[in-house]
Amino acid sequence: MASYMRSVAERDGERVTYRRGGQSWIVASGFKGDRIFYRKAMLACGDTVWHQIAFEYPAAEKRAYDRFVTRAEKALAAHRNDGCPPR
């Protein structure tokens, strides 16, 4: 689990400016050249699979993307058990 969380948060060529996490989730954002990246992963389906979102967009367009990224992040949390196989 820790290695997966590191892979979400740390990538070559990126400068992480925000990183938070808990037992079952991780979020990281920052810069890759003149682009912004945002990634969030959380355990879902009874902590058996990871659900993840990832975005990369021009830093010059940050304001245009902020609302979309926030809504997508909230949807990820709200639907964390959608698509899970029946138990």
PDB file of N, CA and C in Angstrom:
ATOM      1  N   MET A   1       0.824  -1.188   0.000  1.00  0.00           N
ATOM      2  CA  MET A   1       0.000   0.000   0.000  1.00  0.00           C
ATOM      3  C   MET A   1       0.869   1.254   0.000  1.00  0.00           C
ATOM      4  N   ALA A   2       1.912   1.278   0.792  1.00  0.00           N
ATOM      5  CA  ALA A   2       2.776   2.457   0.865  1.00  0.00           C
ATOM      6  C   ALA A   2       3.470   2.724  -0.466  1.00  0.00           C
ATOM      7  N   SER A   3       3.883   1.679  -1.158  1.00  0.00           N
ATOM      8  CA  SER A   3       4.563   1.888  -2.439  1.00  0.00           C
ATOM      9  C   SER A   3       3.593   2.446  -3.485  1.00  0.00           C
ATOM     10  N   TYR A   4       2.351   2.003  -3.461  1.00  0.00           N
ATOM     11  CA  TYR A   4       1.359   2.549  -4.395  1.00  0.00           C
ATOM     12  C   TYR A   4       1.128   4.029  -4.090  1.00  0.00           C
ATOM     13  N   MET A   5       1.001   4.368  -2.830  1.00  0.00           N
ATOM     14  CA  MET A   5       0.770   5.758  -2.447  1.00  0.00           C
ATOM     15  C   MET A   5       1.954   6.635  -2.875  1.00  0.00           C
ATOM     16  N   ARG A   6       3.164   6.131  -2.733  1.00  0.00           N
ATOM     17  CA  ARG A   6       4.342   6.873  -3.192  1.00  0.00           C
ATOM     18  C   ARG A   6       4.294   7.082  -4.703  1.00  0.00           C
ATOM     19  N   SER A   7       3.854   6.052  -5.434  1.00  0.00           N
ATOM     20  CA  SER A   7       3.801   6.169  -6.896  1.00  0.00           C
ATOM     21  C   SER A   7       2.782   7.220  -7.340  1.00  0.00           C
ATOM     22  N   VAL A   8       1.749   7.439  -6.558  1.00  0.00           N
ATOM     23  CA  VAL A   8       0.765   8.474  -6.860  1.00  0.00           C
ATOM     24  C   VAL A   8       1.366   9.851  -6.590  1.00  0.00           C
ATOM     25  N   ALA A   9       2.122   9.965  -5.518  1.00  0.00           N
ATOM     26  CA  ALA A   9       2.607  11.264  -5.059  1.00  0.00           C
ATOM     27  C   ALA A   9       3.938  11.693  -5.669  1.00  0.00           C
ATOM     28  N   GLU A  10       4.783  10.767  -6.036  1.00  0.00           N
ATOM     29  CA  GLU A  10       6.143  11.115  -6.458  1.00  0.00           C
ATOM     30  C   GLU A  10       6.446  10.597  -7.851  1.00  0.00           C
ATOM     31  N   ARG A  11       6.749  11.527  -8.753  1.00  0.00           N
ATOM     32  CA  ARG A  11       7.112  11.160 -10.121  1.00  0.00           C
ATOM     33  C   ARG A  11       8.288  12.015 -10.564  1.00  0.00           C
ATOM     34  N   ASP A  12       9.138  11.458 -11.368  1.00  0.00           N
ATOM     35  CA  ASP A  12      10.305  12.192 -11.871  1.00  0.00           C
ATOM     36  C   ASP A  12       9.878  13.434 -12.646  1.00  0.00           C
ATOM     37  N   GLY A  13      10.632  14.492 -12.466  1.00  0.00           N
ATOM     38  CA  GLY A  13      10.393  15.715 -13.209  1.00  0.00           C
ATOM     39  C   GLY A  13       9.291  16.593 -12.659  1.00  0.00           C
ATOM     40  N   GLU A  14       8.753  16.243 -11.499  1.00  0.00           N
ATOM     41  CA  GLU A  14       7.681  17.028 -10.898  1.00  0.00           C
ATOM     42  C   GLU A  14       8.148  17.691  -9.609  1.00  0.00           C
ATOM     43  N   ARG A  15       7.558  18.845  -9.316  1.00  0.00           N
ATOM     44  CA  ARG A  15       7.794  19.532  -8.045  1.00  0.00           C
ATOM     45  C   ARG A  15       6.481  19.529  -7.279  1.00  0.00           C
ATOM     46  N   VAL A  16       6.404  18.700  -6.242  1.00  0.00           N
ATOM     47  CA  VAL A  16       5.190  18.583  -5.424  1.00  0.00           C
ATOM     48  C   VAL A  16       5.093  19.799  -4.516  1.00  0.00           C
ATOM     49  N   THR A  17       3.950  20.479  -4.567  1.00  0.00           N
ATOM     50  CA  THR A  17       3.714  21.632  -3.697  1.00  0.00           C
ATOM     51  C   THR A  17       2.640  21.348  -2.658  1.00  0.00           C
ATOM     52  N   TYR A  18       1.883  20.272  -2.851  1.00  0.00           N
ATOM     53  CA  TYR A  18       0.842  19.884  -1.898  1.00  0.00           C
ATOM     54  C   TYR A  18       0.769  18.371  -1.862  1.00  0.00           C
ATOM     55  N   ARG A  19       0.834  17.844  -0.645  1.00  0.00           N
ATOM     56  CA  ARG A  19       0.728  16.392  -0.463  1.00  0.00           C
ATOM     57  C   ARG A  19       0.087  16.131   0.895  1.00  0.00           C
ATOM     58  N   ARG A  20      -0.990  15.378   0.874  1.00  0.00           N
ATOM     59  CA  ARG A  20      -1.667  14.977   2.107  1.00  0.00           C
ATOM     60  C   ARG A  20      -2.113  13.543   1.932  1.00  0.00           C
ATOM     61  N   GLY A  21      -2.296  12.874   3.045  1.00  0.00           N
ATOM     62  CA  GLY A  21      -2.762  11.501   2.961  1.00  0.00           C
ATOM     63  C   GLY A  21      -3.204  10.978   4.303  1.00  0.00           C
ATOM     64  N   GLY A  22      -3.820   9.836   4.258  1.00  0.00           N
ATOM     65  CA  GLY A  22      -4.261   9.134   5.446  1.00  0.00           C
ATOM     66  C   GLY A  22      -3.992   7.660   5.256  1.00  0.00           C
ATOM     67  N   GLN A  23      -4.633   6.840   6.059  1.00  0.00           N
ATOM     68  CA  GLN A  23      -4.439   5.390   5.980  1.00  0.00           C
ATOM     69  C   GLN A  23      -4.849   4.826   4.620  1.00  0.00           C
ATOM     70  N   SER A  24      -5.874   5.427   4.008  1.00  0.00           N
ATOM     71  CA  SER A  24      -6.438   4.825   2.799  1.00  0.00           C
ATOM     72  C   SER A  24      -6.584   5.809   1.638  1.00  0.00           C
ATOM     73  N   TRP A  25      -5.859   6.925   1.701  1.00  0.00           N
ATOM     74  CA  TRP A  25      -5.950   7.894   0.612  1.00  0.00           C
ATOM     75  C   TRP A  25      -4.682   8.724   0.524  1.00  0.00           C
ATOM     76  N   ILE A  26      -4.460   9.299  -0.653  1.00  0.00           N
ATOM     77  CA  ILE A  26      -3.315  10.183  -0.881  1.00  0.00           C
ATOM     78  C   ILE A  26      -3.714  11.201  -1.950  1.00  0.00           C
ATOM     79  N   VAL A  27      -3.258  12.421  -1.787  1.00  0.00           N
ATOM     80  CA  VAL A  27      -3.445  13.456  -2.797  1.00  0.00           C
ATOM     81  C   VAL A  27      -2.127  14.194  -2.963  1.00  0.00           C
ATOM     82  N   ALA A  28      -1.798  14.518  -4.194  1.00  0.00           N
ATOM     83  CA  ALA A  28      -0.584  15.271  -4.485  1.00  0.00           C
ATOM     84  C   ALA A  28      -0.854  16.194  -5.661  1.00  0.00           C
ATOM     85  N   SER A  29      -0.269  17.384  -5.578  1.00  0.00           N
ATOM     86  CA  SER A  29      -0.348  18.304  -6.709  1.00  0.00           C
ATOM     87  C   SER A  29       0.911  19.146  -6.733  1.00  0.00           C
ATOM     88  N   GLY A  30       1.125  19.765  -7.862  1.00  0.00           N
ATOM     89  CA  GLY A  30       2.309  20.587  -8.012  1.00  0.00           C
ATOM     90  C   GLY A  30       2.537  20.913  -9.475  1.00  0.00           C
ATOM     91  N   PHE A  31       3.809  21.056  -9.834  1.00  0.00           N
ATOM     92  CA  PHE A  31       4.165  21.502 -11.170  1.00  0.00           C
ATOM     93  C   PHE A  31       5.061  20.502 -11.879  1.00  0.00           C
ATOM     94  N   LYS A  32       4.839  20.412 -13.175  1.00  0.00           N
ATOM     95  CA  LYS A  32       5.701  19.654 -14.072  1.00  0.00           C
ATOM     96  C   LYS A  32       5.979  20.601 -15.229  1.00  0.00           C
ATOM     97  N   GLY A  33       7.087  21.307 -15.129  1.00  0.00           N
ATOM     98  CA  GLY A  33       7.374  22.366 -16.096  1.00  0.00           C
ATOM     99  C   GLY A  33       6.360  23.476 -15.955  1.00  0.00           C
ATOM    100  N   ASP A  34       5.700  23.828 -17.050  1.00  0.00           N
ATOM    101  CA  ASP A  34       4.705  24.897 -17.015  1.00  0.00           C
ATOM    102  C   ASP A  34       3.279  24.345 -16.900  1.00  0.00           C
ATOM    103  N   ARG A  35       3.174  23.125 -16.388  1.00  0.00           N
ATOM    104  CA  ARG A  35       1.868  22.475 -16.226  1.00  0.00           C
ATOM    105  C   ARG A  35       1.633  22.152 -14.754  1.00  0.00           C
ATOM    106  N   ILE A  36       0.374  22.069 -14.381  1.00  0.00           N
ATOM    107  CA  ILE A  36      -0.027  21.663 -13.030  1.00  0.00           C
ATOM    108  C   ILE A  36      -0.513  20.229 -13.112  1.00  0.00           C
ATOM    109  N   PHE A  37      -0.165  19.438 -12.106  1.00  0.00           N
ATOM    110  CA  PHE A  37      -0.732  18.095 -12.006  1.00  0.00           C
ATOM    111  C   PHE A  37      -1.497  17.987 -10.696  1.00  0.00           C
ATOM    112  N   TYR A  38      -2.493  17.137 -10.682  1.00  0.00           N
ATOM    113  CA  TYR A  38      -3.286  16.839  -9.484  1.00  0.00           C
ATOM    114  C   TYR A  38      -3.636  15.366  -9.557  1.00  0.00           C
ATOM    115  N   ARG A  39      -3.329  14.638  -8.494  1.00  0.00           N
ATOM    116  CA  ARG A  39      -3.677  13.217  -8.421  1.00  0.00           C
ATOM    117  C   ARG A  39      -4.226  12.897  -7.039  1.00  0.00           C
ATOM    118  N   LYS A  40      -5.271  12.083  -7.020  1.00  0.00           N
ATOM    119  CA  LYS A  40      -5.815  11.588  -5.756  1.00  0.00           C
ATOM    120  C   LYS A  40      -6.180  10.131  -5.949  1.00  0.00           C
ATOM    121  N   ALA A  41      -5.821   9.322  -4.961  1.00  0.00           N
ATOM    122  CA  ALA A  41      -6.171   7.906  -4.962  1.00  0.00           C
ATOM    123  C   ALA A  41      -6.721   7.553  -3.597  1.00  0.00           C
ATOM    124  N   MET A  42      -7.722   6.679  -3.603  1.00  0.00           N
ATOM    125  CA  MET A  42      -8.292   6.230  -2.336  1.00  0.00           C
ATOM    126  C   MET A  42      -8.721   4.775  -2.460  1.00  0.00           C
ATOM    127  N   LEU A  43      -8.592   4.072  -1.368  1.00  0.00           N
ATOM    128  CA  LEU A  43      -9.062   2.692  -1.350  1.00  0.00           C
ATOM    129  C   LEU A  43     -10.576   2.677  -1.428  1.00  0.00           C
ATOM    130  N   ALA A  44     -11.099   1.716  -2.171  1.00  0.00           N
ATOM    131  CA  ALA A  44     -12.541   1.594  -2.359  1.00  0.00           C
ATOM    132  C   ALA A  44     -12.916   0.120  -2.312  1.00  0.00           C
ATOM    133  N   CYS A  45     -14.186  -0.141  -2.460  1.00  0.00           N
ATOM    134  CA  CYS A  45     -14.688  -1.523  -2.515  1.00  0.00           C
ATOM    135  C   CYS A  45     -14.212  -2.339  -1.311  1.00  0.00           C
ATOM    136  N   GLY A  46     -14.470  -1.807  -0.138  1.00  0.00           N
ATOM    137  CA  GLY A  46     -14.046  -2.510   1.078  1.00  0.00           C
ATOM    138  C   GLY A  46     -12.542  -2.595   1.205  1.00  0.00           C
ATOM    139  N   ASP A  47     -11.856  -1.548   0.752  1.00  0.00           N
ATOM    140  CA  ASP A  47     -10.387  -1.470   0.811  1.00  0.00           C
ATOM    141  C   ASP A  47      -9.699  -2.563  -0.001  1.00  0.00           C
ATOM    142  N   THR A  48     -10.294  -2.929  -1.136  1.00  0.00           N
ATOM    143  CA  THR A  48      -9.704  -3.985  -1.969  1.00  0.00           C
ATOM    144  C   THR A  48      -9.130  -3.476  -3.282  1.00  0.00           C
ATOM    145  N   VAL A  49      -9.563  -2.289  -3.736  1.00  0.00           N
ATOM    146  CA  VAL A  49      -9.039  -1.716  -4.974  1.00  0.00           C
ATOM    147  C   VAL A  49      -8.828  -0.215  -4.793  1.00  0.00           C
ATOM    148  N   TRP A  50      -7.953   0.321  -5.620  1.00  0.00           N
ATOM    149  CA  TRP A  50      -7.717   1.764  -5.614  1.00  0.00           C
ATOM    150  C   TRP A  50      -8.560   2.427  -6.684  1.00  0.00           C
ATOM    151  N   HIS A  51      -9.195   3.520  -6.343  1.00  0.00           N
ATOM    152  CA  HIS A  51      -9.828   4.408  -7.312  1.00  0.00           C
ATOM    153  C   HIS A  51      -8.961   5.661  -7.368  1.00  0.00           C
ATOM    154  N   GLN A  52      -8.726   6.155  -8.560  1.00  0.00           N
ATOM    155  CA  GLN A  52      -7.802   7.281  -8.715  1.00  0.00           C
ATOM    156  C   GLN A  52      -8.297   8.239  -9.784  1.00  0.00           C
ATOM    157  N   ILE A  53      -8.009   9.530  -9.574  1.00  0.00           N
ATOM    158  CA  ILE A  53      -8.183  10.536 -10.610  1.00  0.00           C
ATOM    159  C   ILE A  53      -6.841  11.228 -10.790  1.00  0.00           C
ATOM    160  N   ALA A  54      -6.596  11.699 -11.995  1.00  0.00           N
ATOM    161  CA  ALA A  54      -5.352  12.413 -12.290  1.00  0.00           C
ATOM    162  C   ALA A  54      -5.628  13.427 -13.383  1.00  0.00           C
ATOM    163  N   PHE A  55      -5.110  14.627 -13.182  1.00  0.00           N
ATOM    164  CA  PHE A  55      -5.268  15.702 -14.159  1.00  0.00           C
ATOM    165  C   PHE A  55      -3.928  16.386 -14.366  1.00  0.00           C
ATOM    166  N   GLU A  56      -3.720  16.861 -15.572  1.00  0.00           N
ATOM    167  CA  GLU A  56      -2.572  17.697 -15.888  1.00  0.00           C
ATOM    168  C   GLU A  56      -3.058  18.756 -16.860  1.00  0.00           C
ATOM    169  N   TYR A  57      -2.719  20.019 -16.579  1.00  0.00           N
ATOM    170  CA  TYR A  57      -3.225  21.119 -17.396  1.00  0.00           C
ATOM    171  C   TYR A  57      -2.267  22.304 -17.316  1.00  0.00           C
ATOM    172  N   PRO A  58      -2.364  23.233 -18.273  1.00  0.00           N
ATOM    173  CA  PRO A  58      -1.453  24.384 -18.276  1.00  0.00           C
ATOM    174  C   PRO A  58      -1.617  25.231 -17.010  1.00  0.00           C
ATOM    175  N   ALA A  59      -0.494  25.591 -16.411  1.00  0.00           N
ATOM    176  CA  ALA A  59      -0.539  26.415 -15.199  1.00  0.00           C
ATOM    177  C   ALA A  59      -1.231  27.744 -15.466  1.00  0.00           C
ATOM    178  N   ALA A  60      -1.108  28.251 -16.670  1.00  0.00           N
ATOM    179  CA  ALA A  60      -1.743  29.526 -17.023  1.00  0.00           C
ATOM    180  C   ALA A  60      -3.263  29.435 -16.980  1.00  0.00           C
ATOM    181  N   GLU A  61      -3.806  28.230 -16.986  1.00  0.00           N
ATOM    182  CA  GLU A  61      -5.257  28.045 -16.977  1.00  0.00           C
ATOM    183  C   GLU A  61      -5.773  27.502 -15.635  1.00  0.00           C
ATOM    184  N   LYS A  62      -4.998  27.695 -14.582  1.00  0.00           N
ATOM    185  CA  LYS A  62      -5.349  27.154 -13.264  1.00  0.00           C
ATOM    186  C   LYS A  62      -6.753  27.549 -12.829  1.00  0.00           C
ATOM    187  N   ARG A  63      -7.085  28.813 -12.921  1.00  0.00           N
ATOM    188  CA  ARG A  63      -8.409  29.264 -12.458  1.00  0.00           C
ATOM    189  C   ARG A  63      -9.537  28.573 -13.219  1.00  0.00           C
ATOM    190  N   ALA A  64      -9.330  28.336 -14.485  1.00  0.00           N
ATOM    191  CA  ALA A  64     -10.355  27.678 -15.294  1.00  0.00           C
ATOM    192  C   ALA A  64     -10.563  26.228 -14.880  1.00  0.00           C
ATOM    193  N   TYR A  65      -9.531  25.585 -14.369  1.00  0.00           N
ATOM    194  CA  TYR A  65      -9.617  24.169 -14.001  1.00  0.00           C
ATOM    195  C   TYR A  65      -9.956  23.929 -12.538  1.00  0.00           C
ATOM    196  N   ASP A  66      -9.750  24.903 -11.662  1.00  0.00           N
ATOM    197  CA  ASP A  66      -9.932  24.697 -10.224  1.00  0.00           C
ATOM    198  C   ASP A  66     -11.295  24.101  -9.866  1.00  0.00           C
ATOM    199  N   ARG A  67     -12.346  24.649 -10.389  1.00  0.00           N
ATOM    200  CA  ARG A  67     -13.697  24.179 -10.030  1.00  0.00           C
ATOM    201  C   ARG A  67     -13.917  22.740 -10.510  1.00  0.00           C
ATOM    202  N   PHE A  68     -13.481  22.458 -11.732  1.00  0.00           N
ATOM    203  CA  PHE A  68     -13.627  21.107 -12.274  1.00  0.00           C
ATOM    204  C   PHE A  68     -12.872  20.084 -11.421  1.00  0.00           C
ATOM    205  N   VAL A  69     -11.634  20.385 -11.076  1.00  0.00           N
ATOM    206  CA  VAL A  69     -10.824  19.453 -10.279  1.00  0.00           C
ATOM    207  C   VAL A  69     -11.462  19.232  -8.911  1.00  0.00           C
ATOM    208  N   THR A  70     -11.955  20.277  -8.290  1.00  0.00           N
ATOM    209  CA  THR A  70     -12.609  20.159  -6.984  1.00  0.00           C
ATOM    210  C   THR A  70     -13.857  19.281  -7.078  1.00  0.00           C
ATOM    211  N   ARG A  71     -14.653  19.476  -8.097  1.00  0.00           N
ATOM    212  CA  ARG A  71     -15.871  18.663  -8.258  1.00  0.00           C
ATOM    213  C   ARG A  71     -15.528  17.201  -8.521  1.00  0.00           C
ATOM    214  N   ALA A  72     -14.496  16.954  -9.312  1.00  0.00           N
ATOM    215  CA  ALA A  72     -14.087  15.576  -9.597  1.00  0.00           C
ATOM    216  C   ALA A  72     -13.571  14.890  -8.340  1.00  0.00           C
ATOM    217  N   GLU A  73     -12.827  15.615  -7.529  1.00  0.00           N
ATOM    218  CA  GLU A  73     -12.304  15.058  -6.280  1.00  0.00           C
ATOM    219  C   GLU A  73     -13.441  14.682  -5.336  1.00  0.00           C
ATOM    220  N   LYS A  74     -14.443  15.523  -5.240  1.00  0.00           N
ATOM    221  CA  LYS A  74     -15.599  15.227  -4.385  1.00  0.00           C
ATOM    222  C   LYS A  74     -16.391  14.037  -4.926  1.00  0.00           C
ATOM    223  N   ALA A  75     -16.516  13.940  -6.238  1.00  0.00           N
ATOM    224  CA  ALA A  75     -17.220  12.811  -6.844  1.00  0.00           C
ATOM    225  C   ALA A  75     -16.485  11.498  -6.585  1.00  0.00           C
ATOM    226  N   LEU A  76     -15.161  11.528  -6.616  1.00  0.00           N
ATOM    227  CA  LEU A  76     -14.384  10.325  -6.326  1.00  0.00           C
ATOM    228  C   LEU A  76     -14.725   9.804  -4.930  1.00  0.00           C
ATOM    229  N   ALA A  77     -14.768  10.693  -3.960  1.00  0.00           N
ATOM    230  CA  ALA A  77     -15.083  10.293  -2.588  1.00  0.00           C
ATOM    231  C   ALA A  77     -16.531   9.824  -2.454  1.00  0.00           C
ATOM    232  N   ALA A  78     -17.449  10.529  -3.106  1.00  0.00           N
ATOM    233  CA  ALA A  78     -18.867  10.203  -2.988  1.00  0.00           C
ATOM    234  C   ALA A  78     -19.218   8.868  -3.637  1.00  0.00           C
ATOM    235  N   HIS A  79     -18.456   8.472  -4.610  1.00  0.00           N
ATOM    236  CA  HIS A  79     -18.769   7.260  -5.370  1.00  0.00           C
ATOM    237  C   HIS A  79     -17.710   6.175  -5.179  1.00  0.00           C
ATOM    238  N   ARG A  80     -17.099   6.163  -4.029  1.00  0.00           N
ATOM    239  CA  ARG A  80     -15.972   5.259  -3.808  1.00  0.00           C
ATOM    240  C   ARG A  80     -16.331   3.786  -3.905  1.00  0.00           C
ATOM    241  N   ASN A  81     -17.602   3.450  -3.778  1.00  0.00           N
ATOM    242  CA  ASN A  81     -17.985   2.043  -3.878  1.00  0.00           C
ATOM    243  C   ASN A  81     -18.794   1.713  -5.127  1.00  0.00           C
ATOM    244  N   ASP A  82     -18.905   2.678  -6.043  1.00  0.00           N
ATOM    245  CA  ASP A  82     -19.563   2.391  -7.315  1.00  0.00           C
ATOM    246  C   ASP A  82     -18.675   1.465  -8.142  1.00  0.00           C
ATOM    247  N   GLY A  83     -19.300   0.529  -8.817  1.00  0.00           N
ATOM    248  CA  GLY A  83     -18.555  -0.373  -9.689  1.00  0.00           C
ATOM    249  C   GLY A  83     -17.851  -1.510  -8.975  1.00  0.00           C
ATOM    250  N   CYS A  84     -18.097  -1.653  -7.696  1.00  0.00           N
ATOM    251  CA  CYS A  84     -17.469  -2.737  -6.936  1.00  0.00           C
ATOM    252  C   CYS A  84     -18.164  -4.054  -7.244  1.00  0.00           C
ATOM    253  N   PRO A  85     -17.390  -5.133  -7.293  1.00  0.00           N
ATOM    254  CA  PRO A  85     -18.022  -6.426  -7.524  1.00  0.00           C
ATOM    255  C   PRO A  85     -18.896  -6.822  -6.326  1.00  0.00           C
ATOM    256  N   PRO A  86     -19.970  -7.554  -6.586  1.00  0.00           N
ATOM    257  CA  PRO A  86     -20.827  -8.003  -5.474  1.00  0.00           C
ATOM    258  C   PRO A  86     -20.036  -8.916  -4.538  1.00  0.00           C
ATOM    259  N   ARG A  87     -20.388  -8.831  -3.303  1.00  0.00           N
ATOM    260  CA  ARG A  87     -19.704  -9.682  -2.300  1.00  0.00           C
ATOM    261  C   ARG A  87     -20.543 -10.894  -1.998  1.00  0.00           C
TER     262      ARG A  87
END
